[in-house]
Amino acid sequence: MNRSIAITDALLDYVDKVGLHEHPVLAQCREETSRLEMAMMQISPIQGAAMAMLARLIGARRYLEVGVFTGYSTLAVALALPDDGQVVACDVSEEWTARARRYWQAAGQAHKITLKLAPARDTLDALLASGEAGRFDMAFIDADKTNYDAYYERALKLLRPGGLIIVDNVLWNGQVVDPTDQSESTLAIRAINTKIHGDNRVDMALLPFGDGLMLARKRS
């Protein structure tokens, strides 16, 4: 019995064609990023559209992002927020985020986005220390895998009840089920998947979507 259809390149092209409405600046960001050496770090258009839809469905107004790269995911969600919505975006690369700022400005969304160029753990700890616990609606974690647990714990504290955490790359190109892969990043991803699966603070679902998306909804 087939548990899922095979996702071919032709089928993905079809999804990109009829499965979303991509803002012109998002398309520009995606196309320009695709020519960079680190292009594999960018999320897909359908993932951006899905994240934007989730933001709309939960009525998100404040969004937290750990791992910006060239800003596609940041912009995809910012476009889904109301005009007075707020994004706190965490990254350490001035080079990549300089590109991101251009796209945010071009799309008229820069006023919503506060970029924090510092280690994300420090930024999240500072948010908690300044009384921001329980004030965010949605968080996206897509950064260094060995810190996923630390980011998850802090994001969970920063979310309101009913808020949503999205964790990217949780299937890690299939390496999560390869017992011979004992690399630090793979072990960290296996650990966070197991942790969230057993975490009674959240409702969860792991989607075999892109490189794997973990959804964790904070319970009341």
N, C-alpha and C. Protein backbone atom coordinates (compact mmCIF):
# COMPACT_ATOMS: atom_id res chain seq x y z
N MET A 1 0.85 -1.20 0.00
CA MET A 1 0.00 0.00 0.00
C MET A 1 0.88 1.25 0.00
N ASN A 2 0.65 2.14 -0.96
CA ASN A 2 1.39 3.39 -1.02
C ASN A 2 0.88 4.36 0.03
N ARG A 3 1.76 4.87 0.87
CA ARG A 3 1.37 5.80 1.92
C ARG A 3 1.43 7.24 1.46
N SER A 4 2.07 7.48 0.31
CA SER A 4 2.17 8.82 -0.24
C SER A 4 2.54 8.70 -1.71
N ILE A 5 2.11 9.66 -2.50
CA ILE A 5 2.51 9.65 -3.90
C ILE A 5 3.96 10.09 -4.02
N ALA A 6 4.62 9.68 -5.09
CA ALA A 6 5.99 10.10 -5.34
C ALA A 6 5.99 11.55 -5.81
N ILE A 7 6.81 12.38 -5.16
CA ILE A 7 6.88 13.80 -5.51
C ILE A 7 8.02 14.00 -6.50
N THR A 8 7.67 14.04 -7.78
CA THR A 8 8.66 14.22 -8.83
C THR A 8 8.92 15.71 -9.05
N ASP A 9 9.97 16.02 -9.79
CA ASP A 9 10.26 17.41 -10.12
C ASP A 9 9.12 18.03 -10.93
N ALA A 10 8.53 17.23 -11.83
CA ALA A 10 7.42 17.74 -12.64
C ALA A 10 6.23 18.08 -11.75
N LEU A 11 5.98 17.25 -10.73
CA LEU A 11 4.87 17.52 -9.83
C LEU A 11 5.15 18.75 -8.97
N LEU A 12 6.39 18.91 -8.53
CA LEU A 12 6.75 20.10 -7.77
C LEU A 12 6.60 21.36 -8.61
N ASP A 13 6.99 21.27 -9.88
CA ASP A 13 6.81 22.42 -10.77
C ASP A 13 5.33 22.77 -10.91
N TYR A 14 4.48 21.74 -10.96
CA TYR A 14 3.04 21.97 -11.05
C TYR A 14 2.52 22.66 -9.79
N VAL A 15 2.98 22.20 -8.64
CA VAL A 15 2.57 22.82 -7.37
C VAL A 15 3.00 24.28 -7.32
N ASP A 16 4.23 24.55 -7.74
CA ASP A 16 4.71 25.93 -7.75
C ASP A 16 3.88 26.80 -8.69
N LYS A 17 3.34 26.19 -9.74
CA LYS A 17 2.57 26.93 -10.73
C LYS A 17 1.16 27.25 -10.26
N VAL A 18 0.48 26.28 -9.65
CA VAL A 18 -0.94 26.46 -9.30
C VAL A 18 -1.21 26.40 -7.80
N GLY A 19 -0.17 26.18 -6.98
CA GLY A 19 -0.40 25.94 -5.56
C GLY A 19 -0.21 27.13 -4.65
N LEU A 20 0.13 28.29 -5.21
CA LEU A 20 0.36 29.45 -4.36
C LEU A 20 0.32 30.72 -5.19
N HIS A 21 0.16 31.84 -4.49
CA HIS A 21 0.30 33.17 -5.10
C HIS A 21 1.58 33.78 -4.54
N GLU A 22 2.63 33.81 -5.33
CA GLU A 22 3.92 34.30 -4.86
C GLU A 22 4.06 35.79 -5.16
N HIS A 23 4.30 36.56 -4.12
CA HIS A 23 4.52 38.00 -4.28
C HIS A 23 5.73 38.22 -5.20
N PRO A 24 5.68 39.23 -6.08
CA PRO A 24 6.80 39.47 -7.00
C PRO A 24 8.15 39.62 -6.32
N VAL A 25 8.20 40.24 -5.15
CA VAL A 25 9.48 40.40 -4.46
C VAL A 25 9.96 39.07 -3.89
N LEU A 26 9.03 38.23 -3.45
CA LEU A 26 9.42 36.89 -3.02
C LEU A 26 10.02 36.11 -4.19
N ALA A 27 9.41 36.23 -5.35
CA ALA A 27 9.95 35.56 -6.53
C ALA A 27 11.35 36.07 -6.86
N GLN A 28 11.55 37.38 -6.74
CA GLN A 28 12.86 37.96 -6.99
C GLN A 28 13.88 37.43 -6.00
N CYS A 29 13.51 37.39 -4.73
CA CYS A 29 14.39 36.86 -3.68
C CYS A 29 14.76 35.41 -3.98
N ARG A 30 13.78 34.61 -4.32
CA ARG A 30 14.03 33.19 -4.61
C ARG A 30 14.94 33.02 -5.82
N GLU A 31 14.67 33.75 -6.87
CA GLU A 31 15.45 33.60 -8.09
C GLU A 31 16.90 34.06 -7.89
N GLU A 32 17.09 35.17 -7.21
CA GLU A 32 18.45 35.66 -6.97
C GLU A 32 19.21 34.75 -6.01
N THR A 33 18.52 34.25 -4.99
CA THR A 33 19.16 33.36 -4.03
C THR A 33 19.55 32.05 -4.67
N SER A 34 18.78 31.59 -5.65
CA SER A 34 19.06 30.31 -6.31
C SER A 34 20.42 30.30 -7.00
N ARG A 35 20.97 31.48 -7.25
CA ARG A 35 22.27 31.55 -7.92
C ARG A 35 23.44 31.62 -6.93
N LEU A 36 23.12 31.61 -5.64
CA LEU A 36 24.17 31.67 -4.63
C LEU A 36 24.67 30.27 -4.27
N GLU A 37 25.88 30.21 -3.76
CA GLU A 37 26.48 28.93 -3.40
C GLU A 37 25.67 28.21 -2.31
N MET A 38 25.08 28.98 -1.41
CA MET A 38 24.33 28.38 -0.29
C MET A 38 22.82 28.35 -0.55
N ALA A 39 22.43 28.28 -1.81
CA ALA A 39 21.02 28.38 -2.18
C ALA A 39 20.16 27.30 -1.51
N MET A 40 20.75 26.14 -1.19
CA MET A 40 19.97 25.06 -0.59
C MET A 40 19.39 25.43 0.78
N MET A 41 19.86 26.53 1.37
CA MET A 41 19.36 26.95 2.67
C MET A 41 18.01 27.65 2.58
N GLN A 42 17.59 28.03 1.39
CA GLN A 42 16.34 28.76 1.24
C GLN A 42 15.15 27.82 1.24
N ILE A 43 14.06 28.22 1.89
CA ILE A 43 12.85 27.42 1.86
C ILE A 43 12.21 27.51 0.48
N SER A 44 11.31 26.58 0.20
CA SER A 44 10.63 26.55 -1.09
C SER A 44 9.45 27.53 -1.10
N PRO A 45 8.98 27.91 -2.29
CA PRO A 45 7.81 28.80 -2.37
C PRO A 45 6.58 28.23 -1.68
N ILE A 46 6.33 26.94 -1.84
CA ILE A 46 5.12 26.36 -1.23
C ILE A 46 5.25 26.33 0.30
N GLN A 47 6.47 26.17 0.81
CA GLN A 47 6.65 26.24 2.26
C GLN A 47 6.38 27.65 2.76
N GLY A 48 6.88 28.65 2.04
CA GLY A 48 6.58 30.03 2.42
C GLY A 48 5.09 30.31 2.41
N ALA A 49 4.40 29.80 1.38
CA ALA A 49 2.95 30.00 1.28
C ALA A 49 2.23 29.30 2.43
N ALA A 50 2.69 28.10 2.79
CA ALA A 50 2.07 27.37 3.89
C ALA A 50 2.27 28.10 5.22
N MET A 51 3.47 28.63 5.43
CA MET A 51 3.72 29.37 6.67
C MET A 51 2.86 30.63 6.73
N ALA A 52 2.73 31.32 5.60
CA ALA A 52 1.87 32.51 5.56
C ALA A 52 0.42 32.15 5.86
N MET A 53 -0.04 31.03 5.30
CA MET A 53 -1.41 30.59 5.56
C MET A 53 -1.60 30.26 7.04
N LEU A 54 -0.64 29.59 7.64
CA LEU A 54 -0.75 29.27 9.07
C LEU A 54 -0.79 30.55 9.90
N ALA A 55 0.02 31.53 9.53
CA ALA A 55 0.01 32.81 10.25
C ALA A 55 -1.37 33.46 10.17
N ARG A 56 -1.97 33.42 8.99
CA ARG A 56 -3.31 33.99 8.83
C ARG A 56 -4.35 33.20 9.63
N LEU A 57 -4.24 31.88 9.60
CA LEU A 57 -5.23 31.03 10.28
C LEU A 57 -5.23 31.24 11.79
N ILE A 58 -4.07 31.50 12.37
CA ILE A 58 -4.03 31.70 13.82
C ILE A 58 -4.13 33.18 14.20
N GLY A 59 -4.30 34.03 13.19
CA GLY A 59 -4.41 35.47 13.47
C GLY A 59 -3.14 36.06 14.04
N ALA A 60 -2.00 35.62 13.53
CA ALA A 60 -0.71 36.07 14.09
C ALA A 60 -0.50 37.56 13.86
N ARG A 61 0.02 38.20 14.89
CA ARG A 61 0.42 39.61 14.81
C ARG A 61 1.90 39.79 15.15
N ARG A 62 2.44 38.86 15.93
CA ARG A 62 3.85 38.95 16.31
C ARG A 62 4.52 37.62 15.99
N TYR A 63 5.60 37.71 15.22
CA TYR A 63 6.28 36.53 14.67
C TYR A 63 7.76 36.57 15.01
N LEU A 64 8.28 35.44 15.42
CA LEU A 64 9.68 35.30 15.81
C LEU A 64 10.36 34.33 14.85
N GLU A 65 11.52 34.73 14.32
CA GLU A 65 12.23 33.86 13.38
C GLU A 65 13.67 33.69 13.81
N VAL A 66 14.11 32.45 13.85
CA VAL A 66 15.50 32.12 14.18
C VAL A 66 16.14 31.53 12.93
N GLY A 67 16.93 32.33 12.24
CA GLY A 67 17.54 31.92 10.99
C GLY A 67 16.87 32.62 9.82
N VAL A 68 17.51 33.65 9.28
CA VAL A 68 16.90 34.52 8.27
C VAL A 68 17.39 34.21 6.86
N PHE A 69 18.70 33.96 6.70
CA PHE A 69 19.35 33.79 5.41
C PHE A 69 19.07 35.03 4.55
N THR A 70 18.51 34.89 3.36
CA THR A 70 18.26 36.06 2.51
C THR A 70 16.85 36.60 2.67
N GLY A 71 16.11 36.12 3.65
CA GLY A 71 14.88 36.78 4.04
C GLY A 71 13.59 36.30 3.42
N TYR A 72 13.60 35.17 2.71
CA TYR A 72 12.37 34.71 2.06
C TYR A 72 11.29 34.37 3.08
N SER A 73 11.62 33.54 4.06
CA SER A 73 10.62 33.13 5.05
C SER A 73 10.14 34.32 5.87
N THR A 74 11.06 35.21 6.21
CA THR A 74 10.69 36.40 6.96
C THR A 74 9.66 37.21 6.20
N LEU A 75 9.92 37.44 4.92
CA LEU A 75 9.02 38.25 4.11
C LEU A 75 7.71 37.53 3.85
N ALA A 76 7.75 36.23 3.62
CA ALA A 76 6.52 35.49 3.37
C ALA A 76 5.54 35.65 4.52
N VAL A 77 6.04 35.57 5.75
CA VAL A 77 5.16 35.71 6.91
C VAL A 77 4.82 37.17 7.17
N ALA A 78 5.78 38.07 7.00
CA ALA A 78 5.50 39.50 7.21
C ALA A 78 4.35 39.96 6.32
N LEU A 79 4.31 39.48 5.09
CA LEU A 79 3.23 39.85 4.17
C LEU A 79 1.86 39.36 4.66
N ALA A 80 1.86 38.30 5.48
CA ALA A 80 0.61 37.76 6.00
C ALA A 80 0.14 38.45 7.28
N LEU A 81 1.00 39.25 7.88
CA LEU A 81 0.65 39.95 9.12
C LEU A 81 -0.09 41.24 8.80
N PRO A 82 -0.89 41.74 9.75
CA PRO A 82 -1.51 43.05 9.55
C PRO A 82 -0.45 44.14 9.47
N ASP A 83 -0.85 45.34 9.05
CA ASP A 83 0.13 46.40 8.82
C ASP A 83 0.87 46.79 10.10
N ASP A 84 0.23 46.58 11.25
CA ASP A 84 0.91 46.88 12.51
C ASP A 84 1.54 45.64 13.13
N GLY A 85 1.66 44.56 12.34
CA GLY A 85 2.30 43.34 12.82
C GLY A 85 3.78 43.56 13.07
N GLN A 86 4.36 42.67 13.86
CA GLN A 86 5.77 42.81 14.24
C GLN A 86 6.50 41.50 14.05
N VAL A 87 7.69 41.59 13.48
CA VAL A 87 8.57 40.44 13.28
C VAL A 87 9.89 40.72 14.00
N VAL A 88 10.34 39.76 14.78
CA VAL A 88 11.70 39.79 15.33
C VAL A 88 12.47 38.69 14.63
N ALA A 89 13.48 39.08 13.84
CA ALA A 89 14.23 38.14 13.02
C ALA A 89 15.66 38.03 13.53
N CYS A 90 16.11 36.82 13.83
CA CYS A 90 17.42 36.59 14.44
C CYS A 90 18.37 35.94 13.45
N ASP A 91 19.56 36.51 13.32
CA ASP A 91 20.59 35.92 12.47
C ASP A 91 21.95 36.48 12.91
N VAL A 92 23.01 35.88 12.38
CA VAL A 92 24.35 36.36 12.70
C VAL A 92 25.12 36.85 11.48
N SER A 93 24.52 36.71 10.28
CA SER A 93 25.24 37.06 9.06
C SER A 93 24.83 38.43 8.53
N GLU A 94 25.74 39.35 8.55
CA GLU A 94 25.47 40.65 7.95
C GLU A 94 25.37 40.54 6.42
N GLU A 95 26.15 39.64 5.85
CA GLU A 95 26.16 39.49 4.39
C GLU A 95 24.80 39.04 3.87
N TRP A 96 24.27 37.95 4.43
CA TRP A 96 22.99 37.44 3.92
C TRP A 96 21.85 38.39 4.25
N THR A 97 21.84 38.92 5.46
CA THR A 97 20.70 39.75 5.86
C THR A 97 20.70 41.11 5.18
N ALA A 98 21.86 41.55 4.64
CA ALA A 98 21.86 42.77 3.84
C ALA A 98 21.00 42.57 2.60
N ARG A 99 21.07 41.38 2.01
CA ARG A 99 20.18 41.05 0.90
C ARG A 99 18.72 41.03 1.37
N ALA A 100 18.49 40.41 2.51
CA ALA A 100 17.14 40.32 3.04
C ALA A 100 16.52 41.69 3.21
N ARG A 101 17.27 42.63 3.76
CA ARG A 101 16.75 43.98 3.99
C ARG A 101 16.28 44.62 2.69
N ARG A 102 16.99 44.38 1.60
CA ARG A 102 16.59 44.95 0.31
C ARG A 102 15.21 44.44 -0.12
N TYR A 103 14.99 43.14 0.06
CA TYR A 103 13.70 42.56 -0.34
C TYR A 103 12.58 43.06 0.57
N TRP A 104 12.86 43.15 1.86
CA TRP A 104 11.83 43.64 2.78
C TRP A 104 11.43 45.07 2.43
N GLN A 105 12.41 45.87 2.11
CA GLN A 105 12.14 47.25 1.74
C GLN A 105 11.36 47.32 0.43
N ALA A 106 11.77 46.53 -0.55
CA ALA A 106 11.12 46.54 -1.86
C ALA A 106 9.66 46.12 -1.76
N ALA A 107 9.35 45.22 -0.83
CA ALA A 107 7.98 44.73 -0.67
C ALA A 107 7.15 45.60 0.27
N GLY A 108 7.74 46.67 0.80
CA GLY A 108 7.00 47.55 1.70
C GLY A 108 6.72 46.94 3.06
N GLN A 109 7.59 46.04 3.50
CA GLN A 109 7.37 45.34 4.77
C GLN A 109 8.44 45.63 5.82
N ALA A 110 9.42 46.44 5.48
CA ALA A 110 10.55 46.67 6.39
C ALA A 110 10.12 47.26 7.73
N HIS A 111 9.02 48.03 7.72
CA HIS A 111 8.57 48.66 8.97
C HIS A 111 8.08 47.64 9.99
N LYS A 112 7.77 46.43 9.55
CA LYS A 112 7.30 45.39 10.46
C LYS A 112 8.44 44.59 11.09
N ILE A 113 9.63 44.66 10.48
CA ILE A 113 10.68 43.69 10.78
C ILE A 113 11.82 44.34 11.56
N THR A 114 12.13 43.76 12.72
CA THR A 114 13.30 44.14 13.51
C THR A 114 14.32 43.03 13.42
N LEU A 115 15.45 43.32 12.81
CA LEU A 115 16.51 42.33 12.64
C LEU A 115 17.48 42.42 13.81
N LYS A 116 17.74 41.29 14.44
CA LYS A 116 18.69 41.20 15.55
C LYS A 116 19.91 40.42 15.08
N LEU A 117 21.01 41.13 14.86
CA LEU A 117 22.25 40.48 14.44
C LEU A 117 23.09 40.14 15.67
N ALA A 118 22.87 38.94 16.16
CA ALA A 118 23.55 38.45 17.36
C ALA A 118 23.23 36.97 17.48
N PRO A 119 23.99 36.23 18.28
CA PRO A 119 23.61 34.84 18.53
C PRO A 119 22.16 34.76 19.00
N ALA A 120 21.38 33.89 18.39
CA ALA A 120 19.94 33.87 18.66
C ALA A 120 19.62 33.56 20.11
N ARG A 121 20.43 32.73 20.75
CA ARG A 121 20.16 32.43 22.16
C ARG A 121 20.23 33.71 22.99
N ASP A 122 21.18 34.58 22.67
CA ASP A 122 21.29 35.84 23.41
C ASP A 122 20.06 36.72 23.16
N THR A 123 19.62 36.78 21.90
CA THR A 123 18.45 37.59 21.57
C THR A 123 17.21 37.06 22.26
N LEU A 124 17.01 35.75 22.23
CA LEU A 124 15.82 35.17 22.87
C LEU A 124 15.86 35.36 24.38
N ASP A 125 17.03 35.22 24.98
CA ASP A 125 17.15 35.45 26.42
C ASP A 125 16.86 36.90 26.76
N ALA A 126 17.30 37.82 25.91
CA ALA A 126 17.03 39.24 26.14
C ALA A 126 15.53 39.54 26.03
N LEU A 127 14.86 38.91 25.09
CA LEU A 127 13.40 39.08 24.96
C LEU A 127 12.70 38.60 26.23
N LEU A 128 13.11 37.45 26.72
CA LEU A 128 12.50 36.91 27.93
C LEU A 128 12.78 37.82 29.13
N ALA A 129 13.99 38.33 29.22
CA ALA A 129 14.35 39.20 30.34
C ALA A 129 13.60 40.52 30.31
N SER A 130 13.18 40.94 29.11
CA SER A 130 12.47 42.22 28.99
C SER A 130 10.94 42.07 29.08
N GLY A 131 10.48 40.89 29.47
CA GLY A 131 9.05 40.69 29.71
C GLY A 131 8.24 40.27 28.50
N GLU A 132 8.89 39.69 27.49
CA GLU A 132 8.18 39.31 26.26
C GLU A 132 7.60 37.90 26.31
N ALA A 133 7.74 37.20 27.41
CA ALA A 133 7.17 35.85 27.51
C ALA A 133 5.67 35.88 27.25
N GLY A 134 5.21 34.95 26.42
CA GLY A 134 3.78 34.83 26.14
C GLY A 134 3.23 35.87 25.19
N ARG A 135 4.09 36.62 24.50
CA ARG A 135 3.62 37.73 23.68
C ARG A 135 3.75 37.50 22.17
N PHE A 136 4.31 36.35 21.78
CA PHE A 136 4.43 36.04 20.35
C PHE A 136 3.38 35.01 19.94
N ASP A 137 2.98 35.08 18.68
CA ASP A 137 1.96 34.18 18.16
C ASP A 137 2.54 33.00 17.40
N MET A 138 3.71 33.19 16.81
CA MET A 138 4.26 32.17 15.93
C MET A 138 5.78 32.30 15.89
N ALA A 139 6.45 31.16 15.77
CA ALA A 139 7.91 31.16 15.70
C ALA A 139 8.36 30.15 14.66
N PHE A 140 9.45 30.47 13.98
CA PHE A 140 10.04 29.57 12.98
C PHE A 140 11.50 29.38 13.33
N ILE A 141 11.92 28.11 13.44
CA ILE A 141 13.29 27.77 13.80
C ILE A 141 13.95 27.09 12.61
N ASP A 142 14.98 27.75 12.06
CA ASP A 142 15.66 27.23 10.88
C ASP A 142 17.10 27.75 10.90
N ALA A 143 17.86 27.27 11.87
CA ALA A 143 19.23 27.76 12.05
C ALA A 143 20.13 26.58 12.38
N ASP A 144 21.21 26.82 13.12
CA ASP A 144 22.15 25.76 13.46
C ASP A 144 21.45 24.68 14.27
N LYS A 145 21.57 23.44 13.81
CA LYS A 145 20.77 22.35 14.35
C LYS A 145 21.15 21.99 15.78
N THR A 146 22.41 22.17 16.14
CA THR A 146 22.84 21.79 17.49
C THR A 146 22.21 22.66 18.57
N ASN A 147 21.67 23.80 18.18
CA ASN A 147 20.99 24.66 19.15
C ASN A 147 19.46 24.58 19.05
N TYR A 148 18.95 23.63 18.28
CA TYR A 148 17.50 23.54 18.11
C TYR A 148 16.77 23.42 19.45
N ASP A 149 17.29 22.60 20.34
CA ASP A 149 16.61 22.42 21.63
C ASP A 149 16.56 23.74 22.41
N ALA A 150 17.66 24.46 22.42
CA ALA A 150 17.70 25.74 23.13
C ALA A 150 16.73 26.74 22.51
N TYR A 151 16.68 26.78 21.19
CA TYR A 151 15.75 27.70 20.53
C TYR A 151 14.30 27.30 20.80
N TYR A 152 14.02 26.00 20.76
CA TYR A 152 12.66 25.52 21.01
C TYR A 152 12.19 25.90 22.42
N GLU A 153 13.02 25.66 23.42
CA GLU A 153 12.62 25.96 24.79
C GLU A 153 12.34 27.45 24.98
N ARG A 154 13.17 28.28 24.42
CA ARG A 154 12.98 29.73 24.56
C ARG A 154 11.76 30.20 23.76
N ALA A 155 11.60 29.68 22.54
CA ALA A 155 10.45 30.06 21.74
C ALA A 155 9.15 29.65 22.42
N LEU A 156 9.14 28.50 23.05
CA LEU A 156 7.93 28.03 23.73
C LEU A 156 7.55 29.00 24.86
N LYS A 157 8.52 29.51 25.57
CA LYS A 157 8.24 30.49 26.62
C LYS A 157 7.75 31.82 26.05
N LEU A 158 8.25 32.18 24.88
CA LEU A 158 7.87 33.46 24.27
C LEU A 158 6.49 33.41 23.61
N LEU A 159 6.00 32.21 23.30
CA LEU A 159 4.70 32.07 22.65
C LEU A 159 3.55 32.20 23.64
N ARG A 160 2.46 32.74 23.15
CA ARG A 160 1.19 32.72 23.89
C ARG A 160 0.60 31.31 23.83
N PRO A 161 -0.33 30.97 24.73
CA PRO A 161 -1.07 29.72 24.58
C PRO A 161 -1.81 29.72 23.24
N GLY A 162 -1.73 28.62 22.53
CA GLY A 162 -2.30 28.54 21.20
C GLY A 162 -1.36 28.98 20.10
N GLY A 163 -0.18 29.50 20.48
CA GLY A 163 0.82 29.91 19.50
C GLY A 163 1.49 28.71 18.85
N LEU A 164 2.13 28.95 17.73
CA LEU A 164 2.66 27.87 16.90
C LEU A 164 4.16 28.01 16.68
N ILE A 165 4.90 26.92 16.92
CA ILE A 165 6.30 26.82 16.55
C ILE A 165 6.42 25.92 15.32
N ILE A 166 7.19 26.37 14.34
CA ILE A 166 7.51 25.57 13.16
C ILE A 166 9.01 25.33 13.16
N VAL A 167 9.40 24.07 13.10
CA VAL A 167 10.81 23.70 13.10
C VAL A 167 11.14 23.09 11.74
N ASP A 168 12.13 23.64 11.06
CA ASP A 168 12.47 23.18 9.71
C ASP A 168 13.56 22.11 9.73
N ASN A 169 13.65 21.37 8.62
CA ASN A 169 14.72 20.39 8.37
C ASN A 169 14.68 19.20 9.32
N VAL A 170 13.51 18.84 9.81
CA VAL A 170 13.45 17.78 10.82
C VAL A 170 13.55 16.37 10.22
N LEU A 171 13.56 16.26 8.90
CA LEU A 171 13.86 14.96 8.27
C LEU A 171 15.29 14.92 7.75
N TRP A 172 15.94 16.07 7.66
CA TRP A 172 17.38 16.19 7.42
C TRP A 172 17.83 15.35 6.23
N ASN A 173 17.12 15.55 5.12
CA ASN A 173 17.46 14.84 3.87
C ASN A 173 17.47 13.33 4.05
N GLY A 174 16.61 12.85 4.95
CA GLY A 174 16.50 11.42 5.19
C GLY A 174 17.50 10.85 6.18
N GLN A 175 18.42 11.67 6.64
CA GLN A 175 19.49 11.17 7.52
C GLN A 175 18.98 10.79 8.91
N VAL A 176 17.80 11.27 9.28
CA VAL A 176 17.29 10.93 10.61
C VAL A 176 17.03 9.43 10.78
N VAL A 177 16.84 8.72 9.68
CA VAL A 177 16.58 7.28 9.77
C VAL A 177 17.79 6.44 9.34
N ASP A 178 18.93 7.09 9.18
CA ASP A 178 20.16 6.37 8.83
C ASP A 178 20.98 6.13 10.10
N PRO A 179 20.97 4.91 10.63
CA PRO A 179 21.66 4.66 11.91
C PRO A 179 23.17 4.86 11.83
N THR A 180 23.73 4.87 10.63
CA THR A 180 25.17 5.08 10.52
C THR A 180 25.56 6.54 10.64
N ASP A 181 24.58 7.43 10.54
CA ASP A 181 24.87 8.86 10.65
C ASP A 181 24.78 9.27 12.12
N GLN A 182 25.93 9.49 12.70
CA GLN A 182 26.00 9.90 14.10
C GLN A 182 26.60 11.30 14.22
N SER A 183 26.43 12.11 13.18
CA SER A 183 26.96 13.47 13.21
C SER A 183 26.19 14.31 14.23
N GLU A 184 26.84 15.37 14.67
CA GLU A 184 26.26 16.20 15.73
C GLU A 184 24.91 16.79 15.33
N SER A 185 24.81 17.28 14.10
CA SER A 185 23.56 17.89 13.65
C SER A 185 22.45 16.86 13.55
N THR A 186 22.76 15.68 13.01
CA THR A 186 21.75 14.63 12.88
C THR A 186 21.26 14.18 14.25
N LEU A 187 22.17 14.01 15.18
CA LEU A 187 21.77 13.62 16.54
C LEU A 187 20.89 14.69 17.18
N ALA A 188 21.20 15.96 16.92
CA ALA A 188 20.39 17.05 17.49
C ALA A 188 18.99 17.05 16.92
N ILE A 189 18.87 16.78 15.63
CA ILE A 189 17.54 16.75 15.01
C ILE A 189 16.74 15.56 15.52
N ARG A 190 17.35 14.40 15.60
CA ARG A 190 16.64 13.25 16.17
C ARG A 190 16.17 13.57 17.59
N ALA A 191 17.02 14.22 18.36
CA ALA A 191 16.68 14.53 19.75
C ALA A 191 15.49 15.48 19.84
N ILE A 192 15.46 16.53 18.99
CA ILE A 192 14.36 17.48 19.08
C ILE A 192 13.07 16.85 18.60
N ASN A 193 13.14 15.98 17.58
CA ASN A 193 11.94 15.29 17.13
C ASN A 193 11.36 14.42 18.24
N THR A 194 12.23 13.67 18.90
CA THR A 194 11.79 12.80 19.99
C THR A 194 11.23 13.62 21.14
N LYS A 195 11.90 14.72 21.44
CA LYS A 195 11.46 15.57 22.55
C LYS A 195 10.07 16.14 22.29
N ILE A 196 9.86 16.71 21.10
CA ILE A 196 8.56 17.32 20.80
C ILE A 196 7.47 16.25 20.76
N HIS A 197 7.80 15.06 20.24
CA HIS A 197 6.82 13.97 20.20
C HIS A 197 6.32 13.62 21.59
N GLY A 198 7.20 13.72 22.58
CA GLY A 198 6.81 13.38 23.95
C GLY A 198 6.50 14.56 24.84
N ASP A 199 6.40 15.75 24.27
CA ASP A 199 6.22 16.97 25.06
C ASP A 199 4.74 17.25 25.30
N ASN A 200 4.30 17.11 26.55
CA ASN A 200 2.88 17.32 26.85
C ASN A 200 2.50 18.79 26.95
N ARG A 201 3.43 19.68 26.66
CA ARG A 201 3.12 21.12 26.61
C ARG A 201 2.57 21.54 25.26
N VAL A 202 2.65 20.63 24.27
CA VAL A 202 2.27 21.02 22.91
C VAL A 202 1.43 19.93 22.25
N ASP A 203 0.66 20.36 21.24
CA ASP A 203 0.10 19.44 20.25
C ASP A 203 1.05 19.49 19.05
N MET A 204 1.28 18.35 18.42
CA MET A 204 2.33 18.34 17.40
C MET A 204 1.94 17.51 16.19
N ALA A 205 2.60 17.84 15.08
CA ALA A 205 2.50 17.04 13.86
C ALA A 205 3.77 17.25 13.05
N LEU A 206 4.35 16.16 12.59
CA LEU A 206 5.53 16.23 11.74
C LEU A 206 5.07 16.00 10.30
N LEU A 207 5.30 16.99 9.46
CA LEU A 207 4.85 16.93 8.07
C LEU A 207 6.02 16.55 7.16
N PRO A 208 5.87 15.50 6.33
CA PRO A 208 6.91 15.13 5.37
C PRO A 208 6.84 16.05 4.16
N PHE A 209 7.24 17.26 4.39
CA PHE A 209 7.01 18.39 3.48
C PHE A 209 8.33 19.10 3.33
N GLY A 210 8.82 19.25 2.08
CA GLY A 210 10.16 19.81 1.92
C GLY A 210 11.18 18.91 2.59
N ASP A 211 11.96 19.44 3.51
CA ASP A 211 12.92 18.65 4.29
C ASP A 211 12.36 18.28 5.65
N GLY A 212 11.03 18.35 5.77
CA GLY A 212 10.37 18.00 7.03
C GLY A 212 10.08 19.20 7.87
N LEU A 213 8.80 19.40 8.21
CA LEU A 213 8.39 20.51 9.07
C LEU A 213 7.71 19.94 10.31
N MET A 214 8.19 20.34 11.46
CA MET A 214 7.55 20.00 12.73
C MET A 214 6.68 21.16 13.17
N LEU A 215 5.40 20.89 13.40
CA LEU A 215 4.50 21.89 13.94
C LEU A 215 4.23 21.56 15.40
N ALA A 216 4.38 22.55 16.26
CA ALA A 216 4.12 22.36 17.69
C ALA A 216 3.27 23.51 18.18
N ARG A 217 2.03 23.22 18.57
CA ARG A 217 1.10 24.24 19.06
C ARG A 217 1.12 24.24 20.58
N LYS A 218 1.42 25.38 21.16
CA LYS A 218 1.49 25.49 22.61
C LYS A 218 0.11 25.34 23.23
N ARG A 219 -0.02 24.42 24.13
CA ARG A 219 -1.31 24.22 24.80
C ARG A 219 -1.57 25.32 25.80
N SER A 220 -2.81 25.46 26.19
CA SER A 220 -3.18 26.49 27.16
C SER A 220 -2.58 26.19 28.53
